[in-house]
N, C-alpha and C. Protein backbone atom coordinates (compact mmCIF):
# COMPACT_ATOMS: atom_id res chain seq x y z
N MET A 1 12.98 -10.48 -8.90
CA MET A 1 14.00 -9.68 -8.25
C MET A 1 13.33 -8.47 -7.60
N ARG A 2 13.79 -8.12 -6.42
CA ARG A 2 13.24 -6.99 -5.69
C ARG A 2 13.60 -5.68 -6.38
N SER A 3 12.61 -4.79 -6.47
CA SER A 3 12.84 -3.47 -7.07
C SER A 3 13.45 -2.52 -6.06
N VAL A 4 14.28 -1.62 -6.57
CA VAL A 4 14.85 -0.55 -5.76
C VAL A 4 14.07 0.71 -6.09
N THR A 5 13.48 1.31 -5.07
CA THR A 5 12.64 2.49 -5.26
C THR A 5 13.20 3.67 -4.47
N TYR A 6 13.01 4.85 -5.04
CA TYR A 6 13.38 6.09 -4.37
C TYR A 6 12.13 6.93 -4.30
N SER A 7 11.67 7.21 -3.08
CA SER A 7 10.39 7.88 -2.89
C SER A 7 10.51 8.92 -1.78
N MET A 8 10.10 10.15 -2.10
CA MET A 8 10.10 11.22 -1.10
C MET A 8 9.11 12.30 -1.51
N GLY A 9 8.79 13.17 -0.56
CA GLY A 9 8.03 14.37 -0.86
C GLY A 9 8.96 15.35 -1.55
N VAL A 10 8.41 16.10 -2.52
CA VAL A 10 9.22 17.00 -3.31
C VAL A 10 8.43 18.27 -3.63
N SER A 11 9.13 19.39 -3.70
CA SER A 11 8.48 20.64 -4.11
C SER A 11 8.24 20.58 -5.62
N LEU A 12 7.36 21.43 -6.10
CA LEU A 12 7.08 21.46 -7.53
C LEU A 12 8.34 21.77 -8.36
N ASP A 13 9.28 22.52 -7.77
CA ASP A 13 10.51 22.82 -8.50
C ASP A 13 11.62 21.79 -8.23
N GLY A 14 11.27 20.67 -7.60
CA GLY A 14 12.17 19.53 -7.56
C GLY A 14 13.07 19.36 -6.36
N TYR A 15 12.75 19.97 -5.23
CA TYR A 15 13.62 19.88 -4.05
C TYR A 15 12.94 19.12 -2.91
N ILE A 16 13.76 18.38 -2.13
CA ILE A 16 13.22 17.68 -0.96
C ILE A 16 13.41 18.50 0.30
N VAL A 17 14.34 19.45 0.24
CA VAL A 17 14.62 20.37 1.34
C VAL A 17 14.89 21.73 0.70
N GLY A 18 14.37 22.77 1.32
CA GLY A 18 14.57 24.11 0.79
C GLY A 18 15.95 24.65 1.10
N PRO A 19 16.27 25.87 0.61
CA PRO A 19 17.60 26.45 0.81
C PRO A 19 17.92 26.71 2.28
N ASP A 20 16.89 26.83 3.11
CA ASP A 20 17.10 27.05 4.53
C ASP A 20 17.21 25.74 5.31
N GLY A 21 17.17 24.61 4.61
CA GLY A 21 17.23 23.31 5.27
C GLY A 21 15.88 22.81 5.73
N GLY A 22 14.84 23.61 5.56
CA GLY A 22 13.52 23.24 6.04
C GLY A 22 12.74 22.40 5.04
N PHE A 23 11.85 21.59 5.59
CA PHE A 23 10.94 20.81 4.77
C PHE A 23 9.55 20.75 5.40
N ASP A 24 9.21 21.80 6.15
CA ASP A 24 7.91 21.86 6.81
C ASP A 24 6.75 21.85 5.81
N TRP A 25 7.02 22.23 4.58
CA TRP A 25 6.00 22.23 3.53
C TRP A 25 5.61 20.81 3.11
N THR A 26 6.35 19.80 3.58
CA THR A 26 6.01 18.40 3.27
C THR A 26 5.16 17.76 4.36
N THR A 27 4.83 18.51 5.40
CA THR A 27 4.01 17.95 6.48
C THR A 27 2.73 17.40 5.86
N PRO A 28 2.52 16.09 6.03
CA PRO A 28 1.40 15.48 5.31
C PRO A 28 0.04 15.77 5.95
N ASP A 29 -0.96 16.00 5.07
CA ASP A 29 -2.32 16.04 5.56
C ASP A 29 -2.76 14.57 5.72
N ASP A 30 -3.99 14.34 6.13
CA ASP A 30 -4.45 12.98 6.40
C ASP A 30 -4.33 12.06 5.19
N ALA A 31 -4.70 12.56 4.01
CA ALA A 31 -4.66 11.74 2.80
C ALA A 31 -3.22 11.36 2.44
N VAL A 32 -2.30 12.28 2.58
CA VAL A 32 -0.91 12.00 2.25
C VAL A 32 -0.29 11.05 3.28
N PHE A 33 -0.60 11.26 4.55
CA PHE A 33 -0.08 10.37 5.58
C PHE A 33 -0.61 8.95 5.36
N ARG A 34 -1.87 8.84 4.99
CA ARG A 34 -2.46 7.53 4.69
C ARG A 34 -1.73 6.89 3.51
N PHE A 35 -1.37 7.68 2.50
CA PHE A 35 -0.61 7.18 1.36
C PHE A 35 0.73 6.60 1.81
N TRP A 36 1.46 7.34 2.66
CA TRP A 36 2.76 6.85 3.13
C TRP A 36 2.60 5.56 3.92
N ILE A 37 1.53 5.44 4.67
CA ILE A 37 1.27 4.18 5.40
C ILE A 37 1.10 3.03 4.41
N GLU A 38 0.31 3.24 3.39
CA GLU A 38 0.09 2.17 2.40
C GLU A 38 1.37 1.85 1.64
N GLU A 39 2.17 2.87 1.31
CA GLU A 39 3.41 2.61 0.58
C GLU A 39 4.40 1.80 1.40
N ILE A 40 4.51 2.09 2.69
CA ILE A 40 5.50 1.38 3.51
C ILE A 40 5.16 -0.11 3.65
N ARG A 41 3.90 -0.46 3.44
CA ARG A 41 3.51 -1.87 3.49
C ARG A 41 4.19 -2.70 2.40
N ASP A 42 4.60 -2.06 1.29
CA ASP A 42 5.23 -2.77 0.18
C ASP A 42 6.75 -2.77 0.27
N VAL A 43 7.29 -2.27 1.36
CA VAL A 43 8.74 -2.18 1.52
C VAL A 43 9.22 -3.37 2.36
N GLY A 44 10.27 -4.02 1.88
CA GLY A 44 10.86 -5.13 2.62
C GLY A 44 12.07 -4.72 3.44
N VAL A 45 12.78 -3.69 2.97
CA VAL A 45 13.94 -3.15 3.68
C VAL A 45 14.11 -1.71 3.23
N HIS A 46 14.54 -0.86 4.15
CA HIS A 46 14.71 0.56 3.84
C HIS A 46 16.16 0.94 4.03
N LEU A 47 16.75 1.54 3.00
CA LEU A 47 18.12 2.04 3.06
C LEU A 47 18.07 3.54 3.31
N LEU A 48 18.82 3.99 4.30
CA LEU A 48 18.78 5.40 4.68
C LEU A 48 20.18 5.98 4.80
N GLY A 49 20.30 7.23 4.42
CA GLY A 49 21.50 7.99 4.73
C GLY A 49 21.41 8.46 6.18
N ARG A 50 22.51 8.97 6.70
CA ARG A 50 22.56 9.38 8.10
C ARG A 50 21.53 10.45 8.45
N ARG A 51 21.40 11.47 7.62
CA ARG A 51 20.48 12.57 7.96
C ARG A 51 19.03 12.09 8.04
N LEU A 52 18.60 11.29 7.06
CA LEU A 52 17.22 10.79 7.11
C LEU A 52 17.05 9.83 8.28
N TYR A 53 18.04 8.99 8.53
CA TYR A 53 17.97 8.09 9.68
C TYR A 53 17.76 8.89 10.97
N GLU A 54 18.54 9.94 11.15
CA GLU A 54 18.41 10.76 12.37
C GLU A 54 17.05 11.44 12.44
N THR A 55 16.51 11.86 11.31
CA THR A 55 15.18 12.46 11.28
C THR A 55 14.12 11.43 11.69
N MET A 56 14.27 10.21 11.19
CA MET A 56 13.28 9.17 11.45
C MET A 56 13.42 8.52 12.82
N LEU A 57 14.46 8.83 13.57
CA LEU A 57 14.63 8.27 14.92
C LEU A 57 13.44 8.58 15.83
N TYR A 58 12.76 9.67 15.56
CA TYR A 58 11.58 10.03 16.36
C TYR A 58 10.63 8.85 16.50
N TRP A 59 10.45 8.10 15.40
CA TRP A 59 9.46 7.03 15.39
C TRP A 59 9.86 5.83 16.25
N GLU A 60 11.12 5.73 16.62
CA GLU A 60 11.57 4.60 17.45
C GLU A 60 10.90 4.60 18.83
N THR A 61 10.58 5.77 19.33
CA THR A 61 9.94 5.86 20.66
C THR A 61 8.56 6.52 20.60
N ALA A 62 8.10 6.85 19.42
CA ALA A 62 6.85 7.59 19.28
C ALA A 62 5.64 6.83 19.83
N ALA A 63 5.67 5.52 19.81
CA ALA A 63 4.52 4.73 20.29
C ALA A 63 4.19 5.02 21.75
N GLN A 64 5.15 5.52 22.49
CA GLN A 64 4.94 5.84 23.90
C GLN A 64 4.26 7.20 24.10
N ASP A 65 4.12 7.95 23.03
CA ASP A 65 3.52 9.28 23.09
C ASP A 65 1.99 9.15 23.10
N PRO A 66 1.32 9.53 24.18
CA PRO A 66 -0.14 9.38 24.25
C PRO A 66 -0.90 10.30 23.30
N SER A 67 -0.23 11.30 22.73
CA SER A 67 -0.92 12.22 21.84
C SER A 67 -0.98 11.72 20.39
N LEU A 68 -0.35 10.59 20.10
CA LEU A 68 -0.40 10.07 18.73
C LEU A 68 -1.82 9.71 18.34
N ASP A 69 -2.16 9.99 17.08
CA ASP A 69 -3.47 9.57 16.59
C ASP A 69 -3.37 8.14 16.03
N ASP A 70 -4.49 7.60 15.60
CA ASP A 70 -4.52 6.21 15.13
C ASP A 70 -3.60 6.00 13.92
N SER A 71 -3.56 6.95 13.00
CA SER A 71 -2.70 6.81 11.82
C SER A 71 -1.23 6.81 12.20
N GLU A 72 -0.85 7.67 13.13
CA GLU A 72 0.54 7.71 13.57
C GLU A 72 0.92 6.43 14.30
N ARG A 73 0.00 5.86 15.05
CA ARG A 73 0.26 4.57 15.71
C ARG A 73 0.42 3.45 14.68
N GLU A 74 -0.41 3.50 13.64
CA GLU A 74 -0.31 2.51 12.57
C GLU A 74 1.04 2.63 11.86
N TRP A 75 1.46 3.86 11.55
CA TRP A 75 2.76 4.07 10.91
C TRP A 75 3.88 3.50 11.79
N THR A 76 3.84 3.82 13.08
CA THR A 76 4.87 3.35 14.01
C THR A 76 4.93 1.83 14.04
N ALA A 77 3.76 1.19 14.04
CA ALA A 77 3.70 -0.28 14.07
C ALA A 77 4.29 -0.89 12.80
N LEU A 78 4.23 -0.19 11.68
CA LEU A 78 4.81 -0.68 10.42
C LEU A 78 6.30 -0.32 10.30
N TRP A 79 6.65 0.90 10.70
CA TRP A 79 8.01 1.39 10.53
C TRP A 79 9.00 0.70 11.46
N ASN A 80 8.67 0.58 12.73
CA ASN A 80 9.65 0.08 13.69
C ASN A 80 10.17 -1.33 13.40
N PRO A 81 9.33 -2.30 13.03
CA PRO A 81 9.89 -3.63 12.74
C PRO A 81 10.55 -3.76 11.36
N LEU A 82 10.37 -2.76 10.51
CA LEU A 82 10.94 -2.81 9.16
C LEU A 82 12.47 -2.82 9.24
N PRO A 83 13.12 -3.78 8.58
CA PRO A 83 14.59 -3.77 8.56
C PRO A 83 15.11 -2.52 7.86
N LYS A 84 16.15 -1.92 8.45
CA LYS A 84 16.74 -0.70 7.90
C LYS A 84 18.25 -0.87 7.84
N VAL A 85 18.85 -0.33 6.77
CA VAL A 85 20.30 -0.32 6.62
C VAL A 85 20.71 1.14 6.52
N VAL A 86 21.59 1.56 7.41
CA VAL A 86 22.00 2.96 7.50
C VAL A 86 23.41 3.11 6.93
N PHE A 87 23.56 4.05 6.01
CA PHE A 87 24.86 4.34 5.40
C PHE A 87 25.40 5.60 6.05
N SER A 88 26.49 5.46 6.78
CA SER A 88 27.07 6.59 7.48
C SER A 88 28.55 6.34 7.72
N THR A 89 29.33 7.39 7.60
CA THR A 89 30.74 7.29 7.96
C THR A 89 31.00 7.89 9.33
N THR A 90 29.95 8.46 9.95
CA THR A 90 30.15 9.11 11.25
C THR A 90 29.44 8.39 12.40
N LEU A 91 28.41 7.62 12.14
CA LEU A 91 27.72 6.91 13.21
C LEU A 91 28.46 5.64 13.57
N SER A 92 28.50 5.32 14.86
CA SER A 92 29.14 4.07 15.28
C SER A 92 28.10 3.04 15.72
N ALA A 93 26.85 3.48 15.91
CA ALA A 93 25.78 2.58 16.32
C ALA A 93 24.45 3.15 15.86
N VAL A 94 23.47 2.27 15.69
CA VAL A 94 22.12 2.66 15.31
C VAL A 94 21.14 1.96 16.24
N GLN A 95 19.89 2.42 16.21
CA GLN A 95 18.87 1.90 17.13
C GLN A 95 17.80 1.12 16.39
N GLY A 96 17.00 0.43 17.18
CA GLY A 96 15.84 -0.26 16.64
C GLY A 96 16.23 -1.39 15.70
N ASN A 97 15.43 -1.59 14.68
CA ASN A 97 15.65 -2.67 13.72
C ASN A 97 16.52 -2.18 12.56
N ALA A 98 17.60 -1.50 12.91
CA ALA A 98 18.51 -0.95 11.92
C ALA A 98 19.90 -1.53 12.15
N ARG A 99 20.66 -1.54 11.07
CA ARG A 99 22.08 -1.91 11.15
C ARG A 99 22.87 -0.97 10.26
N LEU A 100 24.11 -0.77 10.62
CA LEU A 100 25.00 0.02 9.76
C LEU A 100 25.40 -0.82 8.56
N ALA A 101 25.47 -0.20 7.40
CA ALA A 101 25.88 -0.91 6.19
C ALA A 101 27.29 -1.46 6.38
N SER A 102 27.47 -2.68 5.96
CA SER A 102 28.79 -3.31 6.10
C SER A 102 29.61 -3.19 4.83
N GLY A 103 28.97 -2.78 3.75
CA GLY A 103 29.68 -2.64 2.48
C GLY A 103 29.21 -1.40 1.76
N GLY A 104 29.62 -1.29 0.53
CA GLY A 104 29.19 -0.17 -0.30
C GLY A 104 27.74 -0.35 -0.72
N LEU A 105 27.18 0.69 -1.30
CA LEU A 105 25.77 0.68 -1.68
C LEU A 105 25.46 -0.41 -2.70
N ALA A 106 26.26 -0.53 -3.75
CA ALA A 106 26.02 -1.55 -4.78
C ALA A 106 26.10 -2.94 -4.17
N GLU A 107 27.07 -3.16 -3.32
CA GLU A 107 27.24 -4.46 -2.67
C GLU A 107 26.04 -4.79 -1.78
N GLU A 108 25.58 -3.82 -1.01
CA GLU A 108 24.42 -4.04 -0.12
C GLU A 108 23.17 -4.36 -0.94
N ILE A 109 22.94 -3.60 -2.00
CA ILE A 109 21.74 -3.84 -2.82
C ILE A 109 21.82 -5.20 -3.51
N GLU A 110 22.98 -5.55 -4.01
CA GLU A 110 23.16 -6.86 -4.65
C GLU A 110 22.86 -7.98 -3.65
N ARG A 111 23.37 -7.84 -2.44
CA ARG A 111 23.13 -8.84 -1.40
C ARG A 111 21.65 -8.93 -1.04
N LEU A 112 21.01 -7.77 -0.88
CA LEU A 112 19.59 -7.75 -0.53
C LEU A 112 18.73 -8.33 -1.64
N ARG A 113 19.08 -8.05 -2.87
CA ARG A 113 18.33 -8.61 -4.00
C ARG A 113 18.47 -10.13 -4.06
N ALA A 114 19.61 -10.65 -3.65
CA ALA A 114 19.87 -12.09 -3.69
C ALA A 114 19.21 -12.84 -2.53
N GLU A 115 18.95 -12.13 -1.44
CA GLU A 115 18.33 -12.77 -0.27
C GLU A 115 16.87 -13.08 -0.55
N PRO A 116 16.37 -14.16 0.06
CA PRO A 116 14.93 -14.38 -0.05
C PRO A 116 14.21 -13.28 0.73
N GLY A 117 13.09 -12.88 0.24
CA GLY A 117 12.33 -11.85 0.92
C GLY A 117 11.41 -11.16 -0.05
N GLU A 118 10.45 -10.50 0.51
CA GLU A 118 9.47 -9.80 -0.30
C GLU A 118 9.57 -8.31 -0.01
N GLY A 119 8.97 -7.56 -0.87
CA GLY A 119 8.92 -6.12 -0.69
C GLY A 119 10.08 -5.42 -1.36
N ASP A 120 9.83 -4.15 -1.66
CA ASP A 120 10.82 -3.33 -2.34
C ASP A 120 12.00 -3.04 -1.43
N ILE A 121 13.09 -2.68 -2.06
CA ILE A 121 14.25 -2.12 -1.38
C ILE A 121 14.11 -0.61 -1.56
N ALA A 122 13.70 0.07 -0.52
CA ALA A 122 13.44 1.51 -0.60
C ALA A 122 14.69 2.29 -0.20
N ILE A 123 14.95 3.36 -0.94
CA ILE A 123 16.07 4.24 -0.63
C ILE A 123 15.50 5.56 -0.16
N GLY A 124 16.01 6.06 0.95
CA GLY A 124 15.60 7.35 1.46
C GLY A 124 16.80 8.25 1.64
N GLY A 125 16.65 9.47 1.21
CA GLY A 125 17.71 10.45 1.34
C GLY A 125 18.33 10.76 0.00
N ALA A 126 18.45 12.04 -0.32
CA ALA A 126 18.91 12.46 -1.64
C ALA A 126 20.35 12.08 -1.92
N THR A 127 21.23 12.16 -0.94
CA THR A 127 22.64 11.83 -1.18
C THR A 127 22.80 10.36 -1.50
N LEU A 128 22.15 9.51 -0.72
CA LEU A 128 22.20 8.07 -0.97
C LEU A 128 21.55 7.73 -2.30
N ALA A 129 20.42 8.36 -2.59
CA ALA A 129 19.74 8.11 -3.86
C ALA A 129 20.58 8.57 -5.05
N ALA A 130 21.30 9.67 -4.90
CA ALA A 130 22.16 10.15 -5.99
C ALA A 130 23.26 9.12 -6.28
N GLU A 131 23.80 8.52 -5.24
CA GLU A 131 24.81 7.48 -5.43
C GLU A 131 24.20 6.27 -6.13
N ALA A 132 23.00 5.86 -5.70
CA ALA A 132 22.32 4.72 -6.33
C ALA A 132 22.00 5.02 -7.79
N ALA A 133 21.58 6.25 -8.07
CA ALA A 133 21.26 6.64 -9.46
C ALA A 133 22.52 6.60 -10.32
N ALA A 134 23.63 7.10 -9.80
CA ALA A 134 24.87 7.10 -10.56
C ALA A 134 25.33 5.67 -10.88
N LEU A 135 24.98 4.73 -10.01
CA LEU A 135 25.33 3.32 -10.22
C LEU A 135 24.25 2.58 -11.00
N ASP A 136 23.21 3.31 -11.44
CA ASP A 136 22.08 2.74 -12.19
C ASP A 136 21.38 1.63 -11.41
N LEU A 137 21.15 1.87 -10.13
CA LEU A 137 20.53 0.87 -9.26
C LEU A 137 19.05 1.14 -8.99
N ILE A 138 18.54 2.31 -9.33
CA ILE A 138 17.15 2.65 -9.02
C ILE A 138 16.25 2.16 -10.15
N ASP A 139 15.20 1.44 -9.76
CA ASP A 139 14.22 0.92 -10.72
C ASP A 139 13.01 1.83 -10.86
N GLU A 140 12.64 2.51 -9.77
CA GLU A 140 11.48 3.41 -9.80
C GLU A 140 11.74 4.67 -9.00
N TYR A 141 11.27 5.78 -9.56
CA TYR A 141 11.27 7.07 -8.87
C TYR A 141 9.83 7.39 -8.50
N ARG A 142 9.60 7.70 -7.24
CA ARG A 142 8.26 7.99 -6.76
C ARG A 142 8.28 9.32 -6.02
N THR A 143 7.40 10.23 -6.43
CA THR A 143 7.36 11.54 -5.79
C THR A 143 5.95 11.87 -5.33
N VAL A 144 5.87 12.49 -4.18
CA VAL A 144 4.65 13.14 -3.74
C VAL A 144 4.94 14.63 -3.91
N VAL A 145 4.32 15.23 -4.92
CA VAL A 145 4.62 16.61 -5.29
C VAL A 145 3.75 17.57 -4.49
N HIS A 146 4.42 18.49 -3.80
CA HIS A 146 3.74 19.50 -2.98
C HIS A 146 3.70 20.83 -3.74
N PRO A 147 2.61 21.58 -3.60
CA PRO A 147 2.43 22.82 -4.37
C PRO A 147 3.19 24.00 -3.77
N VAL A 148 4.50 23.93 -3.87
CA VAL A 148 5.33 25.01 -3.37
C VAL A 148 6.59 25.08 -4.23
N LEU A 149 7.07 26.27 -4.47
CA LEU A 149 8.35 26.48 -5.15
C LEU A 149 9.31 26.99 -4.08
N VAL A 150 10.34 26.22 -3.76
CA VAL A 150 11.25 26.61 -2.69
C VAL A 150 12.50 27.32 -3.20
N GLY A 151 12.76 27.24 -4.49
CA GLY A 151 13.81 28.03 -5.10
C GLY A 151 15.23 27.52 -4.94
N GLY A 152 15.41 26.36 -4.37
CA GLY A 152 16.75 25.80 -4.20
C GLY A 152 16.78 24.88 -3.01
N GLY A 153 17.92 24.31 -2.75
CA GLY A 153 18.06 23.38 -1.63
C GLY A 153 18.65 22.07 -2.11
N ILE A 154 18.16 20.97 -1.57
CA ILE A 154 18.63 19.65 -1.96
C ILE A 154 17.66 19.09 -3.00
N PRO A 155 18.15 18.81 -4.21
CA PRO A 155 17.25 18.33 -5.26
C PRO A 155 16.87 16.86 -5.06
N PHE A 156 15.65 16.52 -5.47
CA PHE A 156 15.20 15.12 -5.45
C PHE A 156 15.99 14.32 -6.47
N PHE A 157 16.11 14.86 -7.67
CA PHE A 157 16.81 14.16 -8.74
C PHE A 157 18.28 14.52 -8.71
N PRO A 158 19.14 13.50 -8.77
CA PRO A 158 20.57 13.79 -8.76
C PRO A 158 20.98 14.58 -10.00
N ARG A 159 21.95 15.44 -9.83
CA ARG A 159 22.43 16.27 -10.94
C ARG A 159 23.73 15.65 -11.47
N ASN A 160 23.61 14.50 -12.12
CA ASN A 160 24.82 13.82 -12.56
C ASN A 160 25.01 13.86 -14.07
N GLU A 161 24.29 14.72 -14.74
CA GLU A 161 24.44 14.93 -16.17
C GLU A 161 24.37 13.62 -16.96
N ARG A 162 23.45 12.77 -16.57
CA ARG A 162 23.26 11.49 -17.24
C ARG A 162 21.78 11.36 -17.57
N ARG A 163 21.51 10.99 -18.79
CA ARG A 163 20.12 10.82 -19.21
C ARG A 163 19.59 9.49 -18.69
N VAL A 164 18.36 9.55 -18.16
CA VAL A 164 17.66 8.35 -17.71
C VAL A 164 16.25 8.43 -18.27
N ASP A 165 15.90 7.48 -19.13
CA ASP A 165 14.55 7.45 -19.69
C ASP A 165 13.61 6.77 -18.70
N LEU A 166 12.44 7.39 -18.54
CA LEU A 166 11.44 6.90 -17.59
C LEU A 166 10.11 6.69 -18.31
N GLU A 167 9.30 5.80 -17.75
CA GLU A 167 7.92 5.66 -18.24
C GLU A 167 6.99 5.81 -17.05
N LEU A 168 5.90 6.55 -17.28
CA LEU A 168 4.93 6.78 -16.23
C LEU A 168 4.22 5.48 -15.90
N ALA A 169 4.26 5.09 -14.63
CA ALA A 169 3.62 3.86 -14.17
C ALA A 169 2.32 4.15 -13.43
N GLU A 170 2.27 5.33 -12.78
CA GLU A 170 1.07 5.66 -12.01
C GLU A 170 1.07 7.14 -11.69
N THR A 171 -0.11 7.70 -11.65
CA THR A 171 -0.30 9.06 -11.16
C THR A 171 -1.59 9.07 -10.36
N ARG A 172 -1.57 9.80 -9.27
CA ARG A 172 -2.75 9.82 -8.41
C ARG A 172 -2.81 11.15 -7.66
N THR A 173 -3.98 11.74 -7.61
CA THR A 173 -4.19 12.93 -6.78
C THR A 173 -4.47 12.44 -5.37
N LEU A 174 -3.63 12.86 -4.42
CA LEU A 174 -3.78 12.40 -3.04
C LEU A 174 -4.69 13.31 -2.22
N SER A 175 -4.60 14.59 -2.49
CA SER A 175 -5.43 15.57 -1.79
C SER A 175 -5.58 16.77 -2.72
N SER A 176 -6.23 17.79 -2.23
CA SER A 176 -6.42 18.98 -3.06
C SER A 176 -5.10 19.68 -3.35
N LYS A 177 -4.04 19.29 -2.65
CA LYS A 177 -2.76 19.96 -2.82
C LYS A 177 -1.64 19.06 -3.32
N THR A 178 -1.77 17.75 -3.26
CA THR A 178 -0.63 16.89 -3.57
C THR A 178 -0.97 15.84 -4.64
N VAL A 179 0.07 15.52 -5.42
CA VAL A 179 -0.04 14.54 -6.49
C VAL A 179 1.09 13.53 -6.34
N TYR A 180 0.77 12.27 -6.56
CA TYR A 180 1.75 11.19 -6.53
C TYR A 180 2.10 10.81 -7.96
N LEU A 181 3.40 10.70 -8.25
CA LEU A 181 3.87 10.28 -9.56
C LEU A 181 4.85 9.12 -9.36
N ARG A 182 4.64 8.05 -10.13
CA ARG A 182 5.55 6.89 -10.07
C ARG A 182 6.05 6.61 -11.48
N TYR A 183 7.36 6.64 -11.62
CA TYR A 183 8.02 6.39 -12.90
C TYR A 183 8.95 5.19 -12.80
N ARG A 184 8.90 4.32 -13.81
CA ARG A 184 9.85 3.20 -13.93
C ARG A 184 11.00 3.62 -14.84
N VAL A 185 12.18 3.15 -14.48
CA VAL A 185 13.33 3.37 -15.33
C VAL A 185 13.23 2.43 -16.53
N VAL A 186 13.41 2.98 -17.73
CA VAL A 186 13.39 2.18 -18.95
C VAL A 186 14.80 1.64 -19.16
N ARG A 187 14.90 0.34 -19.21
CA ARG A 187 16.23 -0.28 -19.41
C ARG A 187 16.27 -0.95 -20.76
């Protein structure tokens, strides 16, 4: 069965976006960008909330930008053909290899798990991930921890007052400033 993973850059105090809405502190150095390239290779489909989808739209046309470096071109070549499912109540259309979700989150994940295919079902966006966590659909939490305390904003971990036991599956220093942590949900 395909695993459902939630993976994002996070501040040391647990936020994906600071109180001002900014996340410039997650701008990856070469080692971190290389990590994201390798991680996306293991994804079979990516589920996104509207805000993350709109942020990632840049990559739909980025290949035409002559200033892209080789790593950014490699990311674009992997990201653009990747199937994406966008959860939004306000969008009426999406671009590229994306489709709007036709059902609820649990229904979409159940359908995707039942389909033949390889690679993880990745969830992006804190609001969508919080819904998946509340439904006990996330199998792994993956964080790239950045050395900054932002003091508030949008938390990586949902605040649903529910205990979830985790076991450490992997830890890796990516650069002099960032650490990768991968935890499996204990069921």
